[in-house]
Amino acid sequence: MIAPETLERTLDAVEKAIHVHPYVSGLRDPFRVLVSTVVSARTKDETTKEVSERLLSRVRNANDLAGIPLSELERLLYPAGFYRTKARSLKRLAEVLLQQYGGRVPDTLGELVSLPGVGRKTANLVLIVAFGKPGVCVDTHVHRICNRWGLVRTKKPNETEVALRAAVPRRLWHRINALLVPFGREVCRPTSPFCSSCPLEEQCPKVGVKKHR
């Protein structure tokens, strides 16, 4: 089992095993981070990158987002998943940012999750990447891997977030999503993970793994 007290060494091993560099927190514009993360929901990485770059070259702040026609926003968001729903959410998001926050993106978890179209995963990622604040961002990869390691025993990502906040030192929070997402894509895949090439193969209990390579 991967225990909380060994997690730092575990994350160090994961970082050496992946082929991408984790993001650096606190170095990105909050509006760009927020919009890109909303776009990314249920959308492949390459599509998110393409759509976000196109959208953010046209929409640079909350005023731009509020003023753009919905039909044009939908065209810019296509082919991101649920692009019409995201367009409506982003329009409402711009209105709230302007009316309640003077156009700025708030920097607390409670304020972020109150925004239209923003869930806990998005809010935590904005805190980490844009503001350099502690956050536990749990997506499907983080949820799967933490349960597979035996670090948590949860059924839903929100439950995993709560469990990790309670068990993991705050100084490690920002590394969890940054490292486990690429690790989940490259090594610890949803089905038939590459356990034979994983640096954690000996200590990982492989909870729920029925087949591996």
N, C-alpha and C. Protein backbone atom coordinates (compact mmCIF):
# COMPACT_ATOMS: atom_id res chain seq x y z
N MET A 1 0.84 -1.20 0.00
CA MET A 1 0.00 0.00 0.00
C MET A 1 0.87 1.25 0.00
N ILE A 2 0.42 2.27 -0.71
CA ILE A 2 1.08 3.56 -0.66
C ILE A 2 0.48 4.35 0.49
N ALA A 3 1.26 4.61 1.52
CA ALA A 3 0.75 5.29 2.71
C ALA A 3 1.03 6.79 2.62
N PRO A 4 0.24 7.60 3.33
CA PRO A 4 0.46 9.05 3.29
C PRO A 4 1.87 9.46 3.67
N GLU A 5 2.47 8.74 4.62
CA GLU A 5 3.81 9.12 5.07
C GLU A 5 4.90 8.82 4.03
N THR A 6 4.58 7.99 3.05
CA THR A 6 5.55 7.69 1.99
C THR A 6 5.20 8.40 0.68
N LEU A 7 4.18 9.24 0.70
CA LEU A 7 3.68 9.82 -0.54
C LEU A 7 4.71 10.72 -1.22
N GLU A 8 5.50 11.46 -0.45
CA GLU A 8 6.47 12.35 -1.09
C GLU A 8 7.47 11.55 -1.92
N ARG A 9 7.98 10.44 -1.37
CA ARG A 9 8.89 9.58 -2.13
C ARG A 9 8.19 8.97 -3.34
N THR A 10 6.92 8.64 -3.17
CA THR A 10 6.13 8.09 -4.27
C THR A 10 6.00 9.10 -5.40
N LEU A 11 5.69 10.33 -5.07
CA LEU A 11 5.54 11.37 -6.08
C LEU A 11 6.88 11.67 -6.77
N ASP A 12 7.97 11.59 -6.01
CA ASP A 12 9.29 11.78 -6.62
C ASP A 12 9.55 10.70 -7.67
N ALA A 13 9.17 9.45 -7.34
CA ALA A 13 9.36 8.35 -8.29
C ALA A 13 8.48 8.52 -9.52
N VAL A 14 7.25 8.98 -9.31
CA VAL A 14 6.34 9.23 -10.42
C VAL A 14 6.90 10.30 -11.34
N GLU A 15 7.43 11.37 -10.75
CA GLU A 15 7.96 12.47 -11.56
C GLU A 15 9.09 12.01 -12.47
N LYS A 16 9.91 11.08 -11.99
CA LYS A 16 11.00 10.57 -12.80
C LYS A 16 10.50 9.65 -13.92
N ALA A 17 9.30 9.08 -13.73
CA ALA A 17 8.79 8.09 -14.69
C ALA A 17 8.02 8.69 -15.84
N ILE A 18 7.57 9.95 -15.71
CA ILE A 18 6.74 10.54 -16.76
C ILE A 18 7.59 11.37 -17.71
N HIS A 19 7.02 11.67 -18.85
CA HIS A 19 7.76 12.34 -19.91
C HIS A 19 7.31 13.78 -20.16
N VAL A 20 6.52 14.32 -19.27
CA VAL A 20 6.12 15.72 -19.38
C VAL A 20 6.46 16.42 -18.08
N HIS A 21 6.69 17.69 -18.15
CA HIS A 21 6.99 18.46 -16.95
C HIS A 21 5.69 18.94 -16.32
N PRO A 22 5.53 18.76 -15.01
CA PRO A 22 4.32 19.27 -14.36
C PRO A 22 4.26 20.78 -14.44
N TYR A 23 3.03 21.30 -14.40
CA TYR A 23 2.88 22.75 -14.51
C TYR A 23 3.48 23.45 -13.30
N VAL A 24 3.85 24.69 -13.50
CA VAL A 24 4.40 25.52 -12.42
C VAL A 24 3.29 26.42 -11.91
N SER A 25 3.05 26.39 -10.61
CA SER A 25 1.93 27.14 -10.06
C SER A 25 2.25 28.62 -9.93
N GLY A 26 1.21 29.44 -9.97
CA GLY A 26 1.34 30.85 -9.70
C GLY A 26 1.92 31.67 -10.83
N LEU A 27 1.99 31.13 -12.03
CA LEU A 27 2.64 31.84 -13.12
C LEU A 27 1.72 32.08 -14.31
N ARG A 28 0.42 31.93 -14.14
CA ARG A 28 -0.48 32.08 -15.27
C ARG A 28 -1.63 33.02 -14.94
N ASP A 29 -2.15 33.66 -15.97
CA ASP A 29 -3.25 34.60 -15.78
C ASP A 29 -4.50 33.86 -15.32
N PRO A 30 -5.13 34.29 -14.21
CA PRO A 30 -6.29 33.58 -13.67
C PRO A 30 -7.44 33.44 -14.66
N PHE A 31 -7.72 34.48 -15.45
CA PHE A 31 -8.82 34.40 -16.40
C PHE A 31 -8.54 33.33 -17.45
N ARG A 32 -7.33 33.28 -17.98
CA ARG A 32 -6.97 32.28 -18.98
C ARG A 32 -7.04 30.87 -18.40
N VAL A 33 -6.55 30.71 -17.18
CA VAL A 33 -6.59 29.40 -16.54
C VAL A 33 -8.03 28.95 -16.34
N LEU A 34 -8.86 29.85 -15.83
CA LEU A 34 -10.26 29.52 -15.57
C LEU A 34 -10.99 29.12 -16.84
N VAL A 35 -10.89 29.93 -17.88
CA VAL A 35 -11.59 29.64 -19.13
C VAL A 35 -11.08 28.33 -19.75
N SER A 36 -9.77 28.14 -19.78
CA SER A 36 -9.21 26.93 -20.36
C SER A 36 -9.66 25.68 -19.62
N THR A 37 -9.77 25.79 -18.31
CA THR A 37 -10.18 24.64 -17.51
C THR A 37 -11.65 24.31 -17.73
N VAL A 38 -12.48 25.34 -17.87
CA VAL A 38 -13.88 25.10 -18.21
C VAL A 38 -13.98 24.42 -19.57
N VAL A 39 -13.20 24.87 -20.52
CA VAL A 39 -13.20 24.27 -21.87
C VAL A 39 -12.78 22.80 -21.80
N SER A 40 -11.86 22.46 -20.91
CA SER A 40 -11.24 21.13 -20.89
C SER A 40 -12.17 20.01 -20.44
N ALA A 41 -13.27 20.33 -19.77
CA ALA A 41 -14.16 19.30 -19.25
C ALA A 41 -14.69 18.40 -20.38
N ARG A 42 -14.48 17.10 -20.23
CA ARG A 42 -14.95 16.10 -21.20
C ARG A 42 -14.45 16.40 -22.61
N THR A 43 -13.22 16.86 -22.68
CA THR A 43 -12.61 17.20 -23.97
C THR A 43 -11.17 16.71 -23.98
N LYS A 44 -10.73 16.16 -25.10
CA LYS A 44 -9.36 15.68 -25.22
C LYS A 44 -8.38 16.83 -25.12
N ASP A 45 -7.18 16.51 -24.65
CA ASP A 45 -6.16 17.54 -24.41
C ASP A 45 -5.84 18.35 -25.66
N GLU A 46 -5.67 17.65 -26.78
CA GLU A 46 -5.30 18.35 -28.00
C GLU A 46 -6.41 19.30 -28.46
N THR A 47 -7.67 18.88 -28.26
CA THR A 47 -8.80 19.74 -28.62
C THR A 47 -8.88 20.93 -27.68
N THR A 48 -8.67 20.68 -26.39
CA THR A 48 -8.68 21.77 -25.40
C THR A 48 -7.65 22.82 -25.76
N LYS A 49 -6.45 22.39 -26.11
CA LYS A 49 -5.38 23.33 -26.46
C LYS A 49 -5.77 24.17 -27.68
N GLU A 50 -6.26 23.51 -28.71
CA GLU A 50 -6.66 24.20 -29.94
C GLU A 50 -7.78 25.20 -29.68
N VAL A 51 -8.81 24.75 -29.00
CA VAL A 51 -9.98 25.60 -28.75
C VAL A 51 -9.62 26.75 -27.83
N SER A 52 -8.87 26.47 -26.77
CA SER A 52 -8.51 27.52 -25.80
C SER A 52 -7.67 28.62 -26.45
N GLU A 53 -6.71 28.21 -27.26
CA GLU A 53 -5.88 29.21 -27.94
C GLU A 53 -6.71 30.08 -28.87
N ARG A 54 -7.62 29.45 -29.61
CA ARG A 54 -8.48 30.21 -30.52
C ARG A 54 -9.39 31.16 -29.75
N LEU A 55 -10.01 30.64 -28.70
CA LEU A 55 -10.94 31.43 -27.91
C LEU A 55 -10.24 32.60 -27.22
N LEU A 56 -9.10 32.33 -26.60
CA LEU A 56 -8.43 33.35 -25.81
C LEU A 56 -7.68 34.37 -26.65
N SER A 57 -7.54 34.10 -27.95
CA SER A 57 -7.01 35.14 -28.84
C SER A 57 -8.09 36.16 -29.17
N ARG A 58 -9.35 35.76 -28.99
CA ARG A 58 -10.50 36.64 -29.25
C ARG A 58 -11.07 37.23 -27.96
N VAL A 59 -11.01 36.47 -26.89
CA VAL A 59 -11.59 36.85 -25.60
C VAL A 59 -10.48 36.92 -24.57
N ARG A 60 -10.09 38.12 -24.16
CA ARG A 60 -8.94 38.29 -23.28
C ARG A 60 -9.30 38.61 -21.83
N ASN A 61 -10.56 38.93 -21.59
CA ASN A 61 -10.97 39.27 -20.22
C ASN A 61 -12.48 39.11 -20.11
N ALA A 62 -13.00 39.38 -18.90
CA ALA A 62 -14.43 39.18 -18.66
C ALA A 62 -15.29 40.11 -19.51
N ASN A 63 -14.81 41.32 -19.78
CA ASN A 63 -15.56 42.23 -20.63
C ASN A 63 -15.71 41.68 -22.05
N ASP A 64 -14.62 41.15 -22.60
CA ASP A 64 -14.68 40.54 -23.93
C ASP A 64 -15.66 39.38 -23.95
N LEU A 65 -15.60 38.56 -22.90
CA LEU A 65 -16.45 37.37 -22.84
C LEU A 65 -17.92 37.76 -22.72
N ALA A 66 -18.20 38.79 -21.95
CA ALA A 66 -19.59 39.24 -21.81
C ALA A 66 -20.12 39.83 -23.11
N GLY A 67 -19.24 40.46 -23.89
CA GLY A 67 -19.69 41.16 -25.08
C GLY A 67 -19.78 40.32 -26.34
N ILE A 68 -19.14 39.16 -26.34
CA ILE A 68 -19.14 38.35 -27.56
C ILE A 68 -20.51 37.71 -27.76
N PRO A 69 -21.05 37.71 -28.98
CA PRO A 69 -22.34 37.06 -29.24
C PRO A 69 -22.27 35.56 -28.94
N LEU A 70 -23.35 35.02 -28.41
CA LEU A 70 -23.38 33.60 -28.05
C LEU A 70 -23.07 32.72 -29.26
N SER A 71 -23.61 33.06 -30.42
CA SER A 71 -23.38 32.24 -31.61
C SER A 71 -21.91 32.20 -31.99
N GLU A 72 -21.21 33.34 -31.84
CA GLU A 72 -19.78 33.37 -32.15
C GLU A 72 -18.99 32.58 -31.11
N LEU A 73 -19.41 32.68 -29.85
CA LEU A 73 -18.74 31.93 -28.79
C LEU A 73 -18.87 30.43 -29.03
N GLU A 74 -20.05 29.99 -29.45
CA GLU A 74 -20.25 28.58 -29.76
C GLU A 74 -19.33 28.13 -30.89
N ARG A 75 -19.18 28.95 -31.90
CA ARG A 75 -18.29 28.59 -33.02
C ARG A 75 -16.84 28.49 -32.56
N LEU A 76 -16.43 29.39 -31.67
CA LEU A 76 -15.07 29.35 -31.17
C LEU A 76 -14.81 28.12 -30.30
N LEU A 77 -15.84 27.68 -29.59
CA LEU A 77 -15.70 26.54 -28.68
C LEU A 77 -15.77 25.19 -29.40
N TYR A 78 -16.37 25.14 -30.55
CA TYR A 78 -16.47 23.88 -31.29
C TYR A 78 -15.07 23.44 -31.73
N PRO A 79 -14.68 22.15 -31.60
CA PRO A 79 -15.47 20.98 -31.25
C PRO A 79 -15.29 20.49 -29.81
N ALA A 80 -15.06 21.38 -28.86
CA ALA A 80 -14.98 20.95 -27.46
C ALA A 80 -16.27 20.26 -27.05
N GLY A 81 -16.17 19.30 -26.16
CA GLY A 81 -17.36 18.59 -25.71
C GLY A 81 -18.37 19.53 -25.06
N PHE A 82 -19.65 19.32 -25.40
CA PHE A 82 -20.75 20.12 -24.84
C PHE A 82 -20.50 21.62 -25.04
N TYR A 83 -20.04 21.97 -26.24
CA TYR A 83 -19.63 23.35 -26.50
C TYR A 83 -20.77 24.35 -26.35
N ARG A 84 -21.99 23.97 -26.68
CA ARG A 84 -23.11 24.90 -26.52
C ARG A 84 -23.39 25.17 -25.04
N THR A 85 -23.36 24.11 -24.23
CA THR A 85 -23.57 24.27 -22.79
C THR A 85 -22.45 25.12 -22.19
N LYS A 86 -21.23 24.88 -22.62
CA LYS A 86 -20.09 25.66 -22.12
C LYS A 86 -20.20 27.13 -22.52
N ALA A 87 -20.69 27.37 -23.72
CA ALA A 87 -20.85 28.76 -24.17
C ALA A 87 -21.82 29.50 -23.26
N ARG A 88 -22.92 28.87 -22.92
CA ARG A 88 -23.90 29.52 -22.04
C ARG A 88 -23.31 29.73 -20.64
N SER A 89 -22.59 28.72 -20.15
CA SER A 89 -21.97 28.84 -18.82
C SER A 89 -20.93 29.96 -18.79
N LEU A 90 -20.14 30.07 -19.85
CA LEU A 90 -19.12 31.10 -19.90
C LEU A 90 -19.73 32.50 -19.97
N LYS A 91 -20.84 32.63 -20.67
CA LYS A 91 -21.52 33.93 -20.70
C LYS A 91 -22.01 34.31 -19.30
N ARG A 92 -22.60 33.37 -18.59
CA ARG A 92 -23.06 33.64 -17.22
C ARG A 92 -21.87 33.91 -16.30
N LEU A 93 -20.79 33.17 -16.54
CA LEU A 93 -19.58 33.36 -15.76
C LEU A 93 -19.06 34.79 -15.90
N ALA A 94 -19.03 35.29 -17.13
CA ALA A 94 -18.55 36.66 -17.37
C ALA A 94 -19.41 37.68 -16.63
N GLU A 95 -20.72 37.47 -16.66
CA GLU A 95 -21.63 38.40 -15.98
C GLU A 95 -21.37 38.44 -14.48
N VAL A 96 -21.17 37.26 -13.89
CA VAL A 96 -20.91 37.20 -12.45
C VAL A 96 -19.57 37.86 -12.11
N LEU A 97 -18.55 37.58 -12.91
CA LEU A 97 -17.24 38.19 -12.66
C LEU A 97 -17.32 39.70 -12.70
N LEU A 98 -18.08 40.23 -13.66
CA LEU A 98 -18.20 41.68 -13.78
C LEU A 98 -19.05 42.27 -12.67
N GLN A 99 -20.16 41.63 -12.35
CA GLN A 99 -21.10 42.18 -11.38
C GLN A 99 -20.61 42.04 -9.94
N GLN A 100 -19.95 40.92 -9.63
CA GLN A 100 -19.60 40.66 -8.24
C GLN A 100 -18.12 40.85 -7.91
N TYR A 101 -17.26 40.78 -8.93
CA TYR A 101 -15.82 40.79 -8.65
C TYR A 101 -15.06 41.83 -9.48
N GLY A 102 -15.78 42.75 -10.11
CA GLY A 102 -15.11 43.79 -10.88
C GLY A 102 -14.32 43.25 -12.05
N GLY A 103 -14.69 42.07 -12.55
CA GLY A 103 -14.02 41.47 -13.69
C GLY A 103 -12.86 40.56 -13.35
N ARG A 104 -12.47 40.53 -12.07
CA ARG A 104 -11.34 39.68 -11.69
C ARG A 104 -11.83 38.28 -11.33
N VAL A 105 -10.93 37.33 -11.37
CA VAL A 105 -11.24 35.96 -10.95
C VAL A 105 -10.95 35.86 -9.45
N PRO A 106 -11.91 35.41 -8.64
CA PRO A 106 -11.68 35.30 -7.20
C PRO A 106 -10.64 34.23 -6.89
N ASP A 107 -10.05 34.31 -5.70
CA ASP A 107 -8.96 33.40 -5.36
C ASP A 107 -9.22 32.55 -4.13
N THR A 108 -10.49 32.26 -3.86
CA THR A 108 -10.82 31.32 -2.79
C THR A 108 -11.67 30.20 -3.36
N LEU A 109 -11.58 29.03 -2.75
CA LEU A 109 -12.32 27.87 -3.23
C LEU A 109 -13.82 28.12 -3.19
N GLY A 110 -14.30 28.70 -2.09
CA GLY A 110 -15.73 28.94 -1.95
C GLY A 110 -16.28 29.87 -3.01
N GLU A 111 -15.54 30.94 -3.33
CA GLU A 111 -15.99 31.87 -4.36
C GLU A 111 -15.93 31.23 -5.74
N LEU A 112 -14.89 30.48 -6.00
CA LEU A 112 -14.73 29.87 -7.33
C LEU A 112 -15.83 28.86 -7.62
N VAL A 113 -16.17 28.00 -6.65
CA VAL A 113 -17.19 26.99 -6.92
C VAL A 113 -18.58 27.59 -7.02
N SER A 114 -18.73 28.85 -6.62
CA SER A 114 -20.04 29.51 -6.77
C SER A 114 -20.24 30.06 -8.18
N LEU A 115 -19.18 30.07 -8.99
CA LEU A 115 -19.27 30.61 -10.35
C LEU A 115 -19.97 29.61 -11.28
N PRO A 116 -20.72 30.09 -12.26
CA PRO A 116 -21.40 29.21 -13.21
C PRO A 116 -20.40 28.32 -13.95
N GLY A 117 -20.69 27.02 -13.99
CA GLY A 117 -19.87 26.08 -14.74
C GLY A 117 -18.57 25.69 -14.07
N VAL A 118 -18.37 26.08 -12.82
CA VAL A 118 -17.11 25.80 -12.12
C VAL A 118 -17.36 24.81 -10.99
N GLY A 119 -16.76 23.63 -11.11
CA GLY A 119 -16.84 22.62 -10.06
C GLY A 119 -15.57 22.63 -9.22
N ARG A 120 -15.46 21.70 -8.32
CA ARG A 120 -14.33 21.68 -7.39
C ARG A 120 -13.01 21.40 -8.11
N LYS A 121 -13.04 20.53 -9.12
CA LYS A 121 -11.80 20.23 -9.85
C LYS A 121 -11.26 21.50 -10.52
N THR A 122 -12.14 22.22 -11.21
CA THR A 122 -11.74 23.47 -11.86
C THR A 122 -11.26 24.48 -10.84
N ALA A 123 -12.00 24.64 -9.76
CA ALA A 123 -11.65 25.63 -8.75
C ALA A 123 -10.28 25.35 -8.14
N ASN A 124 -10.03 24.09 -7.81
CA ASN A 124 -8.74 23.74 -7.22
C ASN A 124 -7.60 23.97 -8.20
N LEU A 125 -7.83 23.66 -9.47
CA LEU A 125 -6.77 23.86 -10.46
C LEU A 125 -6.45 25.34 -10.63
N VAL A 126 -7.47 26.18 -10.62
CA VAL A 126 -7.25 27.62 -10.72
C VAL A 126 -6.45 28.11 -9.51
N LEU A 127 -6.80 27.65 -8.33
CA LEU A 127 -6.06 28.04 -7.12
C LEU A 127 -4.59 27.68 -7.24
N ILE A 128 -4.33 26.45 -7.72
CA ILE A 128 -2.95 25.97 -7.79
C ILE A 128 -2.16 26.68 -8.88
N VAL A 129 -2.71 26.67 -10.09
CA VAL A 129 -1.95 27.14 -11.25
C VAL A 129 -1.89 28.66 -11.32
N ALA A 130 -3.02 29.32 -11.10
CA ALA A 130 -3.07 30.77 -11.28
C ALA A 130 -2.62 31.55 -10.05
N PHE A 131 -2.92 31.02 -8.87
CA PHE A 131 -2.64 31.78 -7.65
C PHE A 131 -1.54 31.19 -6.77
N GLY A 132 -1.08 30.00 -7.13
CA GLY A 132 -0.03 29.39 -6.31
C GLY A 132 -0.48 29.04 -4.92
N LYS A 133 -1.78 28.77 -4.75
CA LYS A 133 -2.34 28.42 -3.44
C LYS A 133 -2.53 26.91 -3.33
N PRO A 134 -2.59 26.38 -2.10
CA PRO A 134 -2.80 24.94 -1.93
C PRO A 134 -4.17 24.51 -2.45
N GLY A 135 -4.20 23.40 -3.12
CA GLY A 135 -5.46 22.85 -3.61
C GLY A 135 -5.26 21.38 -3.93
N VAL A 136 -6.34 20.61 -3.86
CA VAL A 136 -6.30 19.19 -4.22
C VAL A 136 -7.23 19.01 -5.41
N CYS A 137 -6.65 18.94 -6.59
CA CYS A 137 -7.44 18.84 -7.82
C CYS A 137 -7.57 17.37 -8.20
N VAL A 138 -8.79 16.85 -8.13
CA VAL A 138 -9.03 15.43 -8.36
C VAL A 138 -9.84 15.22 -9.63
N ASP A 139 -9.20 14.63 -10.64
CA ASP A 139 -9.91 14.22 -11.85
C ASP A 139 -10.00 12.70 -11.85
N THR A 140 -10.38 12.11 -12.98
CA THR A 140 -10.55 10.65 -13.02
C THR A 140 -9.22 9.93 -12.79
N HIS A 141 -8.11 10.48 -13.29
CA HIS A 141 -6.81 9.84 -13.10
C HIS A 141 -6.42 9.83 -11.62
N VAL A 142 -6.52 10.97 -10.97
CA VAL A 142 -6.15 11.08 -9.56
C VAL A 142 -7.04 10.16 -8.72
N HIS A 143 -8.32 10.17 -8.99
CA HIS A 143 -9.26 9.33 -8.24
C HIS A 143 -8.92 7.85 -8.41
N ARG A 144 -8.68 7.43 -9.66
CA ARG A 144 -8.37 6.03 -9.94
C ARG A 144 -7.06 5.59 -9.29
N ILE A 145 -6.02 6.38 -9.48
CA ILE A 145 -4.69 5.98 -9.00
C ILE A 145 -4.62 5.95 -7.48
N CYS A 146 -5.18 6.94 -6.83
CA CYS A 146 -5.14 6.97 -5.36
C CYS A 146 -5.88 5.79 -4.75
N ASN A 147 -6.97 5.37 -5.39
CA ASN A 147 -7.66 4.17 -4.93
C ASN A 147 -6.88 2.91 -5.29
N ARG A 148 -6.27 2.89 -6.46
CA ARG A 148 -5.48 1.74 -6.89
C ARG A 148 -4.28 1.53 -5.97
N TRP A 149 -3.70 2.62 -5.48
CA TRP A 149 -2.58 2.55 -4.55
C TRP A 149 -3.01 2.14 -3.14
N GLY A 150 -4.30 2.25 -2.84
CA GLY A 150 -4.76 2.02 -1.48
C GLY A 150 -4.56 3.22 -0.59
N LEU A 151 -4.21 4.36 -1.20
CA LEU A 151 -4.03 5.59 -0.43
C LEU A 151 -5.36 6.09 0.12
N VAL A 152 -6.43 5.91 -0.66
CA VAL A 152 -7.79 6.24 -0.22
C VAL A 152 -8.71 5.09 -0.61
N ARG A 153 -9.89 5.08 -0.03
CA ARG A 153 -10.93 4.11 -0.42
C ARG A 153 -12.21 4.90 -0.62
N THR A 154 -12.39 5.39 -1.81
CA THR A 154 -13.52 6.28 -2.09
C THR A 154 -14.19 5.86 -3.39
N LYS A 155 -15.43 6.33 -3.56
CA LYS A 155 -16.19 5.98 -4.75
C LYS A 155 -16.32 7.14 -5.74
N LYS A 156 -16.16 8.37 -5.25
CA LYS A 156 -16.34 9.53 -6.11
C LYS A 156 -15.16 10.49 -5.95
N PRO A 157 -14.84 11.25 -7.03
CA PRO A 157 -13.73 12.20 -6.96
C PRO A 157 -13.82 13.19 -5.81
N ASN A 158 -15.03 13.70 -5.53
CA ASN A 158 -15.16 14.65 -4.42
C ASN A 158 -14.80 14.01 -3.08
N GLU A 159 -15.13 12.71 -2.93
CA GLU A 159 -14.77 11.99 -1.72
C GLU A 159 -13.25 11.83 -1.65
N THR A 160 -12.63 11.60 -2.81
CA THR A 160 -11.17 11.48 -2.86
C THR A 160 -10.50 12.78 -2.44
N GLU A 161 -11.05 13.90 -2.91
CA GLU A 161 -10.49 15.19 -2.52
C GLU A 161 -10.52 15.37 -1.00
N VAL A 162 -11.65 15.07 -0.39
CA VAL A 162 -11.79 15.22 1.06
C VAL A 162 -10.79 14.32 1.79
N ALA A 163 -10.67 13.07 1.31
CA ALA A 163 -9.76 12.12 1.96
C ALA A 163 -8.31 12.56 1.82
N LEU A 164 -7.93 13.07 0.65
CA LEU A 164 -6.55 13.51 0.45
C LEU A 164 -6.24 14.75 1.27
N ARG A 165 -7.18 15.67 1.37
CA ARG A 165 -6.97 16.86 2.20
C ARG A 165 -6.71 16.47 3.65
N ALA A 166 -7.38 15.43 4.11
CA ALA A 166 -7.23 15.00 5.50
C ALA A 166 -5.93 14.24 5.74
N ALA A 167 -5.46 13.49 4.72
CA ALA A 167 -4.35 12.57 4.93
C ALA A 167 -3.00 13.08 4.45
N VAL A 168 -3.00 13.98 3.48
CA VAL A 168 -1.76 14.38 2.82
C VAL A 168 -1.30 15.75 3.31
N PRO A 169 -0.01 15.92 3.59
CA PRO A 169 0.50 17.24 4.00
C PRO A 169 0.20 18.30 2.95
N ARG A 170 -0.16 19.48 3.39
CA ARG A 170 -0.56 20.56 2.49
C ARG A 170 0.53 20.89 1.46
N ARG A 171 1.79 20.75 1.84
CA ARG A 171 2.87 21.11 0.94
C ARG A 171 2.95 20.20 -0.28
N LEU A 172 2.26 19.05 -0.23
CA LEU A 172 2.28 18.11 -1.35
C LEU A 172 1.04 18.21 -2.23
N TRP A 173 0.04 18.95 -1.81
CA TRP A 173 -1.23 18.97 -2.53
C TRP A 173 -1.08 19.31 -4.00
N HIS A 174 -0.29 20.37 -4.29
CA HIS A 174 -0.21 20.84 -5.66
C HIS A 174 0.44 19.84 -6.61
N ARG A 175 1.22 18.89 -6.05
CA ARG A 175 1.92 17.93 -6.90
C ARG A 175 1.01 16.78 -7.35
N ILE A 176 -0.06 16.55 -6.63
CA ILE A 176 -0.88 15.36 -6.88
C ILE A 176 -1.46 15.36 -8.29
N ASN A 177 -2.19 16.40 -8.65
CA ASN A 177 -2.78 16.45 -9.98
C ASN A 177 -1.71 16.62 -11.06
N ALA A 178 -0.73 17.48 -10.79
CA ALA A 178 0.31 17.76 -11.78
C ALA A 178 1.05 16.51 -12.21
N LEU A 179 1.24 15.57 -11.29
CA LEU A 179 2.00 14.36 -11.59
C LEU A 179 1.12 13.16 -11.95
N LEU A 180 0.00 13.00 -11.27
CA LEU A 180 -0.79 11.80 -11.49
C LEU A 180 -1.57 11.82 -12.80
N VAL A 181 -1.90 13.01 -13.31
CA VAL A 181 -2.59 13.05 -14.61
C VAL A 181 -1.71 12.49 -15.73
N PRO A 182 -0.48 13.01 -15.93
CA PRO A 182 0.36 12.39 -16.96
C PRO A 182 0.75 10.96 -16.64
N PHE A 183 0.94 10.65 -15.37
CA PHE A 183 1.26 9.27 -14.97
C PHE A 183 0.10 8.33 -15.33
N GLY A 184 -1.13 8.81 -15.15
CA GLY A 184 -2.30 8.02 -15.49
C GLY A 184 -2.47 7.81 -16.98
N ARG A 185 -2.00 8.75 -17.77
CA ARG A 185 -2.09 8.62 -19.23
C ARG A 185 -0.99 7.72 -19.78
N GLU A 186 0.21 7.81 -19.18
CA GLU A 186 1.36 7.11 -19.74
C GLU A 186 1.59 5.72 -19.15
N VAL A 187 1.37 5.57 -17.85
CA VAL A 187 1.75 4.34 -17.16
C VAL A 187 0.55 3.66 -16.49
N CYS A 188 -0.04 4.35 -15.53
CA CYS A 188 -1.12 3.75 -14.73
C CYS A 188 -2.47 3.97 -15.40
N ARG A 189 -2.63 3.37 -16.56
CA ARG A 189 -3.80 3.59 -17.38
C ARG A 189 -5.06 2.94 -16.79
N PRO A 190 -6.23 3.39 -17.23
CA PRO A 190 -7.47 2.86 -16.66
C PRO A 190 -7.60 1.34 -16.82
N THR A 191 -7.28 0.83 -18.00
CA THR A 191 -7.33 -0.61 -18.24
C THR A 191 -5.95 -1.09 -18.67
N SER A 192 -5.55 -2.24 -18.17
CA SER A 192 -4.27 -2.85 -18.49
C SER A 192 -3.10 -1.88 -18.33
N PRO A 193 -2.88 -1.40 -17.12
CA PRO A 193 -1.76 -0.47 -16.87
C PRO A 193 -0.41 -1.14 -17.09
N PHE A 194 0.62 -0.33 -17.31
CA PHE A 194 1.96 -0.83 -17.56
C PHE A 194 2.69 -1.07 -16.25
N CYS A 195 2.23 -2.03 -15.48
CA CYS A 195 2.81 -2.29 -14.16
C CYS A 195 4.26 -2.76 -14.26
N SER A 196 4.62 -3.47 -15.31
CA SER A 196 5.98 -4.01 -15.43
C SER A 196 7.02 -2.91 -15.57
N SER A 197 6.62 -1.74 -16.05
CA SER A 197 7.57 -0.63 -16.21
C SER A 197 7.33 0.48 -15.18
N CYS A 198 6.49 0.22 -14.20
CA CYS A 198 6.16 1.22 -13.19
C CYS A 198 7.16 1.17 -12.04
N PRO A 199 7.69 2.30 -11.60
CA PRO A 199 8.65 2.30 -10.49
C PRO A 199 8.02 1.92 -9.15
N LEU A 200 6.71 1.88 -9.10
CA LEU A 200 6.01 1.55 -7.86
C LEU A 200 5.46 0.13 -7.85
N GLU A 201 5.87 -0.68 -8.81
CA GLU A 201 5.26 -1.99 -9.01
C GLU A 201 5.32 -2.86 -7.76
N GLU A 202 6.42 -2.80 -7.01
CA GLU A 202 6.58 -3.68 -5.86
C GLU A 202 5.70 -3.30 -4.69
N GLN A 203 5.50 -2.00 -4.47
CA GLN A 203 4.71 -1.60 -3.30
C GLN A 203 3.24 -1.32 -3.62
N CYS A 204 2.89 -1.25 -4.90
CA CYS A 204 1.51 -0.95 -5.26
C CYS A 204 0.62 -2.18 -5.08
N PRO A 205 -0.48 -2.06 -4.34
CA PRO A 205 -1.37 -3.22 -4.15
C PRO A 205 -2.26 -3.51 -5.35
N LYS A 206 -2.28 -2.60 -6.32
CA LYS A 206 -3.06 -2.78 -7.57
C LYS A 206 -4.54 -3.05 -7.27
N VAL A 207 -5.10 -2.27 -6.39
CA VAL A 207 -6.50 -2.46 -6.01
C VAL A 207 -7.40 -2.28 -7.25
N GLY A 208 -8.20 -3.30 -7.51
CA GLY A 208 -9.13 -3.24 -8.63
C GLY A 208 -8.54 -3.55 -9.99
N VAL A 209 -7.25 -3.79 -10.08
CA VAL A 209 -6.60 -4.09 -11.37
C VAL A 209 -6.80 -5.57 -11.69
N LYS A 210 -7.47 -5.85 -12.79
CA LYS A 210 -7.74 -7.22 -13.18
C LYS A 210 -6.74 -7.73 -14.23
N LYS A 211 -6.18 -6.80 -14.98
CA LYS A 211 -5.23 -7.17 -16.03
C LYS A 211 -4.20 -6.06 -16.15
N HIS A 212 -2.94 -6.46 -16.27
CA HIS A 212 -1.91 -5.44 -16.43
C HIS A 212 -0.79 -5.98 -17.32
N ARG A 213 0.03 -5.04 -17.78
CA ARG A 213 1.14 -5.43 -18.67
C ARG A 213 2.47 -5.24 -17.97
